[in-house]
Amino acid sequence: MPDKRELRRELLSRRRQLESGELSGSGAALAAQALLLPELAEARTVAAYVSVGTEPGTADLLETLRLRGTLVLLPVLLPDDDLDWGPYTGPGSLAAVRRAGRMELAEPAGPHLGPDAVTEADVVLLPGLAVDGRGMRLGRGGGSYDRVLARLERAGARPALVVLLYDTEVVARVPAEAHDRPVHAVVTPTGVRRFARP
């Protein structure tokens, strides 16, 4: 099995080869599938993220949740790669932020609620590059979401953890380390797959 770094390179290369039609159509299809999850339908607060580059699009999902009256929290990347959180109040509430050596991110421009705000979420939507049959997620390797998952565990919070991916990114196996935590479901543009909740 390839190591995490090798697998990330391969998966990012595959994403770069996606046609623009696949990219633009993924957001609406992903939102339609995600909104079928009872956890999202019942959630009062959802921690989510704004997709960047070739990630499956999240804009439709964020806006639908907001219009339903769900409090949507979006991450703000801190200098140490931890995440603060701020409310999403519509597309106009986002600011483009570029930090040295990183891609441009869209982050909430309003008040920041602190890193612990995520512990109030009923559902946490996670970015990733792949997930396997055990629910183990492969992230980009920055460690920001490892910190989020550790913070949830320390707080005794048990939100539904859902990763958003393309269909081809549900794979047989991803390398896992002791600190890695499984997700509860993966949503792709064509469906939802659940994993056993411990």
N, C-alpha and C. Protein backbone atom coordinates (compact mmCIF):
# COMPACT_ATOMS: atom_id res chain seq x y z
N MET A 1 0.84 -1.18 0.00
CA MET A 1 0.00 0.00 0.00
C MET A 1 0.89 1.25 0.00
N PRO A 2 0.54 2.27 -0.84
CA PRO A 2 1.34 3.49 -0.84
C PRO A 2 1.21 4.21 0.50
N ASP A 3 2.25 5.00 0.87
CA ASP A 3 2.14 5.76 2.11
C ASP A 3 1.24 6.98 1.87
N LYS A 4 0.95 7.70 2.94
CA LYS A 4 0.00 8.81 2.84
C LYS A 4 0.45 9.86 1.82
N ARG A 5 1.73 10.19 1.85
CA ARG A 5 2.23 11.25 0.96
C ARG A 5 2.07 10.86 -0.50
N GLU A 6 2.42 9.60 -0.79
CA GLU A 6 2.31 9.08 -2.15
C GLU A 6 0.85 9.06 -2.60
N LEU A 7 -0.03 8.58 -1.73
CA LEU A 7 -1.45 8.50 -2.06
C LEU A 7 -2.04 9.88 -2.27
N ARG A 8 -1.64 10.85 -1.45
CA ARG A 8 -2.12 12.22 -1.63
C ARG A 8 -1.72 12.75 -3.01
N ARG A 9 -0.46 12.53 -3.39
CA ARG A 9 0.02 13.00 -4.70
C ARG A 9 -0.84 12.42 -5.82
N GLU A 10 -1.09 11.12 -5.73
CA GLU A 10 -1.87 10.43 -6.76
C GLU A 10 -3.30 10.97 -6.83
N LEU A 11 -3.93 11.15 -5.68
CA LEU A 11 -5.31 11.62 -5.65
C LEU A 11 -5.42 13.08 -6.11
N LEU A 12 -4.48 13.92 -5.72
CA LEU A 12 -4.50 15.31 -6.17
C LEU A 12 -4.27 15.39 -7.68
N SER A 13 -3.42 14.52 -8.20
CA SER A 13 -3.18 14.48 -9.65
C SER A 13 -4.47 14.10 -10.37
N ARG A 14 -5.20 13.13 -9.83
CA ARG A 14 -6.49 12.72 -10.43
C ARG A 14 -7.48 13.87 -10.42
N ARG A 15 -7.51 14.60 -9.33
CA ARG A 15 -8.44 15.75 -9.26
C ARG A 15 -8.09 16.81 -10.30
N ARG A 16 -6.82 17.04 -10.51
CA ARG A 16 -6.41 18.05 -11.49
C ARG A 16 -6.83 17.66 -12.91
N GLN A 17 -7.05 16.37 -13.13
CA GLN A 17 -7.44 15.90 -14.47
C GLN A 17 -8.95 15.90 -14.70
N LEU A 18 -9.71 16.27 -13.69
CA LEU A 18 -11.17 16.31 -13.86
C LEU A 18 -11.55 17.38 -14.87
N GLU A 19 -12.56 17.08 -15.68
CA GLU A 19 -13.08 18.05 -16.64
C GLU A 19 -13.83 19.15 -15.91
N SER A 20 -13.88 20.33 -16.50
CA SER A 20 -14.57 21.45 -15.83
C SER A 20 -16.04 21.15 -15.60
N GLY A 21 -16.67 20.37 -16.48
CA GLY A 21 -18.07 20.00 -16.31
C GLY A 21 -18.28 19.15 -15.07
N GLU A 22 -17.34 18.23 -14.82
CA GLU A 22 -17.42 17.39 -13.61
C GLU A 22 -17.31 18.25 -12.36
N LEU A 23 -16.41 19.22 -12.42
CA LEU A 23 -16.20 20.10 -11.26
C LEU A 23 -17.43 20.95 -11.00
N SER A 24 -17.95 21.59 -12.07
CA SER A 24 -19.08 22.50 -11.86
C SER A 24 -20.35 21.76 -11.48
N GLY A 25 -20.53 20.55 -11.97
CA GLY A 25 -21.74 19.80 -11.64
C GLY A 25 -21.69 19.10 -10.30
N SER A 26 -20.50 18.97 -9.74
CA SER A 26 -20.37 18.20 -8.51
C SER A 26 -21.06 18.85 -7.32
N GLY A 27 -21.05 20.17 -7.27
CA GLY A 27 -21.60 20.88 -6.11
C GLY A 27 -23.08 20.65 -5.91
N ALA A 28 -23.87 20.81 -6.98
CA ALA A 28 -25.32 20.64 -6.88
C ALA A 28 -25.66 19.19 -6.55
N ALA A 29 -24.97 18.25 -7.21
CA ALA A 29 -25.23 16.83 -6.96
C ALA A 29 -24.84 16.44 -5.53
N LEU A 30 -23.71 16.96 -5.07
CA LEU A 30 -23.25 16.68 -3.71
C LEU A 30 -24.25 17.23 -2.68
N ALA A 31 -24.72 18.45 -2.91
CA ALA A 31 -25.69 19.05 -1.99
C ALA A 31 -26.97 18.22 -1.94
N ALA A 32 -27.45 17.78 -3.10
CA ALA A 32 -28.69 16.99 -3.15
C ALA A 32 -28.54 15.70 -2.33
N GLN A 33 -27.40 15.05 -2.45
CA GLN A 33 -27.18 13.80 -1.70
C GLN A 33 -27.02 14.09 -0.20
N ALA A 34 -26.23 15.11 0.13
CA ALA A 34 -25.98 15.42 1.54
C ALA A 34 -27.27 15.79 2.26
N LEU A 35 -28.16 16.49 1.58
CA LEU A 35 -29.39 16.96 2.23
C LEU A 35 -30.36 15.82 2.50
N LEU A 36 -30.07 14.62 1.98
CA LEU A 36 -30.88 13.44 2.29
C LEU A 36 -30.51 12.85 3.65
N LEU A 37 -29.35 13.26 4.19
CA LEU A 37 -28.91 12.74 5.49
C LEU A 37 -29.82 13.27 6.60
N PRO A 38 -30.44 12.39 7.38
CA PRO A 38 -31.27 12.88 8.48
C PRO A 38 -30.48 13.75 9.46
N GLU A 39 -29.20 13.43 9.64
CA GLU A 39 -28.36 14.21 10.57
C GLU A 39 -28.31 15.68 10.14
N LEU A 40 -28.23 15.93 8.82
CA LEU A 40 -28.19 17.31 8.35
C LEU A 40 -29.57 17.95 8.42
N ALA A 41 -30.61 17.17 8.14
CA ALA A 41 -31.97 17.70 8.18
C ALA A 41 -32.32 18.17 9.59
N GLU A 42 -31.82 17.47 10.60
CA GLU A 42 -32.17 17.78 11.99
C GLU A 42 -31.16 18.70 12.68
N ALA A 43 -30.04 18.97 12.02
CA ALA A 43 -28.96 19.73 12.67
C ALA A 43 -29.34 21.19 12.90
N ARG A 44 -29.05 21.68 14.09
CA ARG A 44 -29.20 23.10 14.38
C ARG A 44 -27.92 23.85 13.98
N THR A 45 -26.76 23.18 14.17
CA THR A 45 -25.47 23.79 13.86
C THR A 45 -24.64 22.80 13.06
N VAL A 46 -24.07 23.27 11.95
CA VAL A 46 -23.21 22.44 11.10
C VAL A 46 -21.88 23.16 10.92
N ALA A 47 -20.79 22.49 11.24
CA ALA A 47 -19.46 23.01 10.92
C ALA A 47 -19.12 22.50 9.53
N ALA A 48 -18.82 23.40 8.63
CA ALA A 48 -18.59 23.03 7.23
C ALA A 48 -17.31 23.71 6.75
N TYR A 49 -17.16 23.85 5.46
CA TYR A 49 -16.00 24.53 4.89
C TYR A 49 -16.35 25.00 3.49
N VAL A 50 -15.59 25.97 3.00
CA VAL A 50 -15.75 26.46 1.63
C VAL A 50 -14.74 25.70 0.77
N SER A 51 -15.26 25.00 -0.23
CA SER A 51 -14.36 24.22 -1.09
C SER A 51 -13.43 25.16 -1.87
N VAL A 52 -12.23 24.65 -2.15
CA VAL A 52 -11.24 25.40 -2.93
C VAL A 52 -10.72 24.52 -4.06
N GLY A 53 -10.30 25.16 -5.14
CA GLY A 53 -9.68 24.44 -6.25
C GLY A 53 -10.59 23.34 -6.79
N THR A 54 -10.05 22.14 -6.84
CA THR A 54 -10.78 21.01 -7.43
C THR A 54 -11.54 20.17 -6.40
N GLU A 55 -11.70 20.68 -5.17
CA GLU A 55 -12.51 19.96 -4.18
C GLU A 55 -13.96 19.92 -4.66
N PRO A 56 -14.71 18.88 -4.28
CA PRO A 56 -16.14 18.88 -4.59
C PRO A 56 -16.78 20.15 -4.03
N GLY A 57 -17.60 20.80 -4.83
CA GLY A 57 -18.14 22.10 -4.45
C GLY A 57 -19.08 22.07 -3.26
N THR A 58 -18.94 23.03 -2.36
CA THR A 58 -19.80 23.11 -1.18
C THR A 58 -20.73 24.31 -1.18
N ALA A 59 -20.62 25.22 -2.15
CA ALA A 59 -21.40 26.47 -2.11
C ALA A 59 -22.90 26.21 -2.05
N ASP A 60 -23.42 25.30 -2.87
CA ASP A 60 -24.87 25.02 -2.88
C ASP A 60 -25.32 24.48 -1.53
N LEU A 61 -24.53 23.60 -0.95
CA LEU A 61 -24.88 23.00 0.32
C LEU A 61 -24.89 24.05 1.44
N LEU A 62 -23.89 24.89 1.49
CA LEU A 62 -23.81 25.94 2.52
C LEU A 62 -25.02 26.85 2.45
N GLU A 63 -25.36 27.26 1.23
CA GLU A 63 -26.47 28.21 1.07
C GLU A 63 -27.81 27.55 1.41
N THR A 64 -28.01 26.31 1.01
CA THR A 64 -29.27 25.61 1.34
C THR A 64 -29.41 25.46 2.85
N LEU A 65 -28.34 25.07 3.52
CA LEU A 65 -28.40 24.93 4.98
C LEU A 65 -28.72 26.28 5.63
N ARG A 66 -28.08 27.33 5.17
CA ARG A 66 -28.33 28.67 5.74
C ARG A 66 -29.79 29.07 5.56
N LEU A 67 -30.32 28.85 4.35
CA LEU A 67 -31.71 29.24 4.07
C LEU A 67 -32.71 28.41 4.87
N ARG A 68 -32.30 27.22 5.29
CA ARG A 68 -33.17 26.39 6.15
C ARG A 68 -33.16 26.87 7.60
N GLY A 69 -32.26 27.78 7.92
CA GLY A 69 -32.17 28.28 9.29
C GLY A 69 -31.11 27.59 10.13
N THR A 70 -30.29 26.76 9.49
CA THR A 70 -29.19 26.09 10.18
C THR A 70 -28.06 27.09 10.41
N LEU A 71 -27.48 27.08 11.60
CA LEU A 71 -26.27 27.88 11.85
C LEU A 71 -25.10 27.13 11.21
N VAL A 72 -24.47 27.76 10.23
CA VAL A 72 -23.33 27.15 9.53
C VAL A 72 -22.07 27.85 10.01
N LEU A 73 -21.15 27.07 10.56
CA LEU A 73 -19.85 27.59 10.99
C LEU A 73 -18.81 27.25 9.95
N LEU A 74 -17.97 28.22 9.63
CA LEU A 74 -16.89 27.99 8.66
C LEU A 74 -15.54 28.26 9.31
N PRO A 75 -14.51 27.53 8.85
CA PRO A 75 -13.21 27.66 9.50
C PRO A 75 -12.44 28.91 9.08
N VAL A 76 -11.63 29.35 10.03
CA VAL A 76 -10.66 30.43 9.81
C VAL A 76 -9.31 29.82 10.18
N LEU A 77 -8.40 29.74 9.21
CA LEU A 77 -7.09 29.13 9.46
C LEU A 77 -6.22 30.06 10.31
N LEU A 78 -5.76 29.53 11.43
CA LEU A 78 -4.89 30.29 12.32
C LEU A 78 -3.42 30.09 11.94
N PRO A 79 -2.52 30.96 12.40
CA PRO A 79 -1.10 30.84 12.03
C PRO A 79 -0.47 29.48 12.38
N ASP A 80 -0.98 28.82 13.44
CA ASP A 80 -0.41 27.52 13.82
C ASP A 80 -1.13 26.34 13.16
N ASP A 81 -1.97 26.63 12.16
CA ASP A 81 -2.75 25.64 11.40
C ASP A 81 -3.95 25.08 12.16
N ASP A 82 -4.22 25.60 13.37
CA ASP A 82 -5.46 25.24 14.04
C ASP A 82 -6.59 26.03 13.35
N LEU A 83 -7.84 25.73 13.72
CA LEU A 83 -8.97 26.40 13.10
C LEU A 83 -9.81 27.14 14.13
N ASP A 84 -10.09 28.40 13.85
CA ASP A 84 -11.10 29.18 14.54
C ASP A 84 -12.37 29.02 13.69
N TRP A 85 -13.51 29.54 14.14
CA TRP A 85 -14.76 29.37 13.41
C TRP A 85 -15.54 30.67 13.41
N GLY A 86 -16.26 30.90 12.32
CA GLY A 86 -17.12 32.07 12.22
C GLY A 86 -18.41 31.68 11.50
N PRO A 87 -19.50 32.43 11.72
CA PRO A 87 -20.77 32.10 11.09
C PRO A 87 -20.80 32.48 9.61
N TYR A 88 -21.46 31.64 8.82
CA TYR A 88 -21.72 31.92 7.41
C TYR A 88 -23.10 32.55 7.32
N THR A 89 -23.17 33.75 6.77
CA THR A 89 -24.45 34.44 6.66
C THR A 89 -24.79 34.76 5.21
N GLY A 90 -24.17 34.05 4.28
CA GLY A 90 -24.42 34.24 2.86
C GLY A 90 -23.12 34.48 2.12
N PRO A 91 -23.16 34.36 0.78
CA PRO A 91 -21.91 34.50 -0.01
C PRO A 91 -21.18 35.81 0.26
N GLY A 92 -21.92 36.88 0.58
CA GLY A 92 -21.29 38.17 0.84
C GLY A 92 -20.57 38.24 2.17
N SER A 93 -20.72 37.19 3.00
CA SER A 93 -20.07 37.20 4.31
C SER A 93 -18.68 36.59 4.27
N LEU A 94 -18.21 36.22 3.06
CA LEU A 94 -16.90 35.58 2.92
C LEU A 94 -15.87 36.58 2.41
N ALA A 95 -14.65 36.44 2.90
CA ALA A 95 -13.53 37.26 2.45
C ALA A 95 -12.44 36.35 1.91
N ALA A 96 -11.81 36.77 0.82
CA ALA A 96 -10.68 36.01 0.26
C ALA A 96 -9.44 36.31 1.10
N VAL A 97 -8.80 35.24 1.57
CA VAL A 97 -7.62 35.39 2.44
C VAL A 97 -6.50 34.54 1.86
N ARG A 98 -5.33 35.15 1.70
CA ARG A 98 -4.16 34.39 1.25
C ARG A 98 -3.06 34.53 2.27
N ARG A 99 -2.57 33.40 2.72
CA ARG A 99 -1.45 33.40 3.66
C ARG A 99 -0.21 32.91 2.91
N ALA A 100 0.93 33.33 3.36
CA ALA A 100 2.19 33.02 2.67
C ALA A 100 2.29 31.54 2.31
N GLY A 101 2.55 31.27 1.04
CA GLY A 101 2.80 29.90 0.59
C GLY A 101 1.57 29.01 0.54
N ARG A 102 0.38 29.59 0.62
CA ARG A 102 -0.85 28.78 0.63
C ARG A 102 -1.81 29.28 -0.44
N MET A 103 -2.77 28.39 -0.78
CA MET A 103 -3.78 28.81 -1.74
C MET A 103 -4.73 29.81 -1.07
N GLU A 104 -5.44 30.58 -1.90
CA GLU A 104 -6.40 31.54 -1.38
C GLU A 104 -7.60 30.80 -0.80
N LEU A 105 -8.02 31.20 0.39
CA LEU A 105 -9.17 30.59 1.06
C LEU A 105 -10.27 31.63 1.20
N ALA A 106 -11.52 31.16 1.19
CA ALA A 106 -12.66 32.03 1.49
C ALA A 106 -13.04 31.75 2.94
N GLU A 107 -12.96 32.79 3.76
CA GLU A 107 -13.21 32.63 5.20
C GLU A 107 -14.28 33.63 5.64
N PRO A 108 -14.99 33.32 6.73
CA PRO A 108 -16.00 34.25 7.23
C PRO A 108 -15.35 35.56 7.67
N ALA A 109 -15.93 36.66 7.19
CA ALA A 109 -15.35 37.98 7.49
C ALA A 109 -15.86 38.56 8.80
N GLY A 110 -16.92 37.98 9.34
CA GLY A 110 -17.52 38.52 10.56
C GLY A 110 -16.80 38.08 11.81
N PRO A 111 -17.52 38.05 12.93
CA PRO A 111 -16.89 37.72 14.21
C PRO A 111 -16.38 36.29 14.25
N HIS A 112 -15.29 36.08 14.94
CA HIS A 112 -14.75 34.73 15.14
C HIS A 112 -15.20 34.25 16.52
N LEU A 113 -15.56 32.97 16.58
CA LEU A 113 -16.17 32.42 17.79
C LEU A 113 -15.22 31.58 18.63
N GLY A 114 -13.98 31.39 18.14
CA GLY A 114 -13.00 30.61 18.87
C GLY A 114 -12.94 29.16 18.41
N PRO A 115 -11.80 28.50 18.60
CA PRO A 115 -11.63 27.12 18.15
C PRO A 115 -12.62 26.13 18.77
N ASP A 116 -13.11 26.42 19.97
CA ASP A 116 -14.03 25.49 20.63
C ASP A 116 -15.46 25.56 20.10
N ALA A 117 -15.77 26.55 19.25
CA ALA A 117 -17.13 26.67 18.71
C ALA A 117 -17.56 25.40 17.99
N VAL A 118 -16.61 24.69 17.41
CA VAL A 118 -16.93 23.47 16.67
C VAL A 118 -17.55 22.40 17.57
N THR A 119 -17.30 22.47 18.85
CA THR A 119 -17.82 21.44 19.77
C THR A 119 -19.34 21.54 19.93
N GLU A 120 -19.94 22.64 19.46
CA GLU A 120 -21.40 22.81 19.51
C GLU A 120 -22.09 22.27 18.27
N ALA A 121 -21.32 21.82 17.27
CA ALA A 121 -21.92 21.36 16.00
C ALA A 121 -22.58 20.00 16.16
N ASP A 122 -23.71 19.84 15.49
CA ASP A 122 -24.40 18.55 15.42
C ASP A 122 -23.79 17.68 14.32
N VAL A 123 -23.27 18.34 13.29
CA VAL A 123 -22.62 17.66 12.16
C VAL A 123 -21.36 18.43 11.83
N VAL A 124 -20.27 17.71 11.56
CA VAL A 124 -19.04 18.34 11.07
C VAL A 124 -18.76 17.75 9.68
N LEU A 125 -18.77 18.64 8.68
CA LEU A 125 -18.44 18.24 7.31
C LEU A 125 -16.94 18.42 7.12
N LEU A 126 -16.28 17.36 6.70
CA LEU A 126 -14.82 17.35 6.60
C LEU A 126 -14.36 17.29 5.15
N PRO A 127 -13.35 18.07 4.80
CA PRO A 127 -12.73 17.88 3.50
C PRO A 127 -11.84 16.64 3.55
N GLY A 128 -11.48 16.14 2.42
CA GLY A 128 -10.58 14.99 2.39
C GLY A 128 -10.17 14.68 0.97
N LEU A 129 -9.33 13.67 0.84
CA LEU A 129 -8.91 13.19 -0.47
C LEU A 129 -9.41 11.78 -0.73
N ALA A 130 -9.70 11.03 0.34
CA ALA A 130 -10.19 9.65 0.17
C ALA A 130 -10.76 9.17 1.49
N VAL A 131 -11.57 8.12 1.41
CA VAL A 131 -12.05 7.41 2.59
C VAL A 131 -12.12 5.94 2.22
N ASP A 132 -11.87 5.08 3.21
CA ASP A 132 -11.91 3.65 2.90
C ASP A 132 -13.12 2.98 3.56
N GLY A 133 -13.22 1.68 3.40
CA GLY A 133 -14.37 0.93 3.89
C GLY A 133 -14.52 0.92 5.40
N ARG A 134 -13.47 1.32 6.12
CA ARG A 134 -13.55 1.43 7.58
C ARG A 134 -14.01 2.81 8.02
N GLY A 135 -14.11 3.72 7.04
CA GLY A 135 -14.44 5.11 7.37
C GLY A 135 -13.20 5.94 7.68
N MET A 136 -12.03 5.40 7.42
CA MET A 136 -10.80 6.17 7.68
C MET A 136 -10.60 7.19 6.54
N ARG A 137 -10.43 8.45 6.93
CA ARG A 137 -10.31 9.56 5.98
C ARG A 137 -8.84 9.92 5.76
N LEU A 138 -8.51 10.20 4.52
CA LEU A 138 -7.18 10.74 4.20
C LEU A 138 -7.36 12.21 3.90
N GLY A 139 -6.76 13.07 4.74
CA GLY A 139 -6.82 14.51 4.52
C GLY A 139 -5.64 14.99 3.70
N ARG A 140 -5.49 16.29 3.64
CA ARG A 140 -4.40 16.88 2.83
C ARG A 140 -3.06 16.85 3.55
N GLY A 141 -3.08 16.58 4.86
CA GLY A 141 -1.81 16.45 5.57
C GLY A 141 -1.40 17.64 6.39
N GLY A 142 -2.24 18.69 6.45
CA GLY A 142 -1.88 19.87 7.24
C GLY A 142 -2.12 19.70 8.73
N GLY A 143 -2.98 18.76 9.10
CA GLY A 143 -3.24 18.49 10.51
C GLY A 143 -4.34 19.33 11.14
N SER A 144 -4.91 20.30 10.39
CA SER A 144 -5.93 21.17 10.98
C SER A 144 -7.14 20.37 11.46
N TYR A 145 -7.59 19.44 10.65
CA TYR A 145 -8.79 18.68 11.04
C TYR A 145 -8.47 17.58 12.04
N ASP A 146 -7.22 17.13 12.10
CA ASP A 146 -6.83 16.23 13.20
C ASP A 146 -7.01 16.95 14.53
N ARG A 147 -6.68 18.23 14.56
CA ARG A 147 -6.84 19.03 15.78
C ARG A 147 -8.32 19.20 16.12
N VAL A 148 -9.14 19.42 15.08
CA VAL A 148 -10.58 19.56 15.30
C VAL A 148 -11.14 18.27 15.90
N LEU A 149 -10.77 17.13 15.34
CA LEU A 149 -11.28 15.84 15.83
C LEU A 149 -10.80 15.57 17.25
N ALA A 150 -9.57 15.93 17.55
CA ALA A 150 -9.05 15.76 18.91
C ALA A 150 -9.80 16.69 19.88
N ARG A 151 -10.10 17.91 19.44
CA ARG A 151 -10.84 18.86 20.29
C ARG A 151 -12.24 18.34 20.59
N LEU A 152 -12.89 17.77 19.58
CA LEU A 152 -14.23 17.19 19.79
C LEU A 152 -14.18 16.06 20.81
N GLU A 153 -13.15 15.22 20.67
CA GLU A 153 -13.01 14.08 21.59
C GLU A 153 -12.77 14.55 23.02
N ARG A 154 -11.88 15.53 23.19
CA ARG A 154 -11.59 16.05 24.53
C ARG A 154 -12.84 16.64 25.19
N ALA A 155 -13.70 17.27 24.35
CA ALA A 155 -14.89 17.93 24.88
C ALA A 155 -16.04 16.94 25.10
N GLY A 156 -15.85 15.69 24.67
CA GLY A 156 -16.93 14.71 24.78
C GLY A 156 -18.05 14.97 23.79
N ALA A 157 -17.77 15.78 22.76
CA ALA A 157 -18.76 16.08 21.72
C ALA A 157 -18.82 14.91 20.73
N ARG A 158 -20.02 14.57 20.28
CA ARG A 158 -20.17 13.44 19.36
C ARG A 158 -21.01 13.82 18.14
N PRO A 159 -20.54 14.82 17.37
CA PRO A 159 -21.29 15.17 16.16
C PRO A 159 -21.14 14.07 15.11
N ALA A 160 -22.04 14.05 14.14
CA ALA A 160 -21.86 13.17 12.99
C ALA A 160 -20.71 13.73 12.16
N LEU A 161 -19.75 12.89 11.81
CA LEU A 161 -18.59 13.29 11.01
C LEU A 161 -18.82 12.79 9.59
N VAL A 162 -18.87 13.72 8.64
CA VAL A 162 -19.21 13.39 7.26
C VAL A 162 -18.15 13.98 6.34
N VAL A 163 -17.56 13.15 5.47
CA VAL A 163 -16.56 13.62 4.52
C VAL A 163 -17.22 13.74 3.14
N LEU A 164 -16.84 14.80 2.41
CA LEU A 164 -17.40 15.07 1.08
C LEU A 164 -16.34 14.77 0.03
N LEU A 165 -16.65 13.84 -0.89
CA LEU A 165 -15.66 13.38 -1.87
C LEU A 165 -16.29 13.14 -3.24
N TYR A 166 -15.45 12.88 -4.22
CA TYR A 166 -15.91 12.35 -5.51
C TYR A 166 -16.06 10.84 -5.39
N ASP A 167 -16.85 10.25 -6.27
CA ASP A 167 -17.11 8.81 -6.21
C ASP A 167 -15.83 7.97 -6.25
N THR A 168 -14.88 8.36 -7.07
CA THR A 168 -13.65 7.57 -7.24
C THR A 168 -12.73 7.62 -6.03
N GLU A 169 -13.07 8.49 -5.05
CA GLU A 169 -12.20 8.66 -3.89
C GLU A 169 -12.64 7.80 -2.69
N VAL A 170 -13.65 6.96 -2.91
CA VAL A 170 -14.00 5.94 -1.92
C VAL A 170 -13.18 4.72 -2.34
N VAL A 171 -12.15 4.40 -1.55
CA VAL A 171 -11.14 3.42 -1.95
C VAL A 171 -11.12 2.23 -0.99
N ALA A 172 -10.37 1.21 -1.38
CA ALA A 172 -10.29 0.00 -0.56
C ALA A 172 -9.64 0.26 0.80
N ARG A 173 -8.55 1.02 0.81
CA ARG A 173 -7.82 1.22 2.06
C ARG A 173 -6.97 2.47 1.99
N VAL A 174 -6.97 3.23 3.09
CA VAL A 174 -6.02 4.34 3.22
C VAL A 174 -5.13 4.05 4.42
N PRO A 175 -3.89 4.49 4.37
CA PRO A 175 -3.02 4.28 5.53
C PRO A 175 -3.57 5.04 6.73
N ALA A 176 -3.54 4.43 7.89
CA ALA A 176 -4.06 5.07 9.10
C ALA A 176 -3.02 5.01 10.20
N GLU A 177 -2.98 6.07 11.01
CA GLU A 177 -2.09 6.12 12.16
C GLU A 177 -2.93 6.12 13.44
N ALA A 178 -2.27 5.99 14.57
CA ALA A 178 -2.98 5.85 15.85
C ALA A 178 -3.92 7.02 16.13
N HIS A 179 -3.56 8.24 15.69
CA HIS A 179 -4.39 9.41 16.00
C HIS A 179 -5.56 9.57 15.03
N ASP A 180 -5.59 8.83 13.94
CA ASP A 180 -6.66 8.98 12.96
C ASP A 180 -7.98 8.45 13.51
N ARG A 181 -9.06 9.16 13.18
CA ARG A 181 -10.39 8.78 13.64
C ARG A 181 -11.29 8.54 12.44
N PRO A 182 -12.14 7.50 12.50
CA PRO A 182 -13.04 7.25 11.36
C PRO A 182 -14.18 8.26 11.32
N VAL A 183 -14.69 8.46 10.10
CA VAL A 183 -15.89 9.29 9.91
C VAL A 183 -17.11 8.38 9.96
N HIS A 184 -18.28 8.99 10.04
CA HIS A 184 -19.51 8.21 10.13
C HIS A 184 -20.17 8.00 8.77
N ALA A 185 -19.87 8.89 7.80
CA ALA A 185 -20.46 8.76 6.48
C ALA A 185 -19.61 9.50 5.46
N VAL A 186 -19.74 9.07 4.21
CA VAL A 186 -19.15 9.80 3.09
C VAL A 186 -20.29 10.14 2.14
N VAL A 187 -20.26 11.37 1.64
CA VAL A 187 -21.23 11.80 0.63
C VAL A 187 -20.46 12.07 -0.65
N THR A 188 -20.93 11.50 -1.74
CA THR A 188 -20.37 11.76 -3.07
C THR A 188 -21.51 12.28 -3.95
N PRO A 189 -21.22 12.75 -5.16
CA PRO A 189 -22.30 13.25 -6.03
C PRO A 189 -23.35 12.20 -6.38
N THR A 190 -23.06 10.91 -6.16
CA THR A 190 -24.06 9.89 -6.51
C THR A 190 -24.65 9.15 -5.32
N GLY A 191 -24.23 9.46 -4.10
CA GLY A 191 -24.82 8.75 -2.98
C GLY A 191 -24.15 8.97 -1.65
N VAL A 192 -24.65 8.22 -0.67
CA VAL A 192 -24.16 8.29 0.71
C VAL A 192 -23.77 6.89 1.12
N ARG A 193 -22.64 6.78 1.79
CA ARG A 193 -22.26 5.49 2.38
C ARG A 193 -21.99 5.73 3.85
N ARG A 194 -22.59 4.90 4.69
CA ARG A 194 -22.42 5.04 6.14
C ARG A 194 -21.43 4.02 6.66
N PHE A 195 -20.81 4.38 7.76
CA PHE A 195 -19.89 3.49 8.46
C PHE A 195 -20.39 3.33 9.89
N ALA A 196 -20.04 2.22 10.50
CA ALA A 196 -20.51 1.96 11.87
C ALA A 196 -20.02 3.03 12.82
N ARG A 197 -20.88 3.52 13.68
CA ARG A 197 -20.48 4.50 14.70
C ARG A 197 -20.01 3.74 15.93
N PRO A 198 -18.79 4.03 16.42
CA PRO A 198 -18.30 3.35 17.61
C PRO A 198 -19.14 3.70 18.83
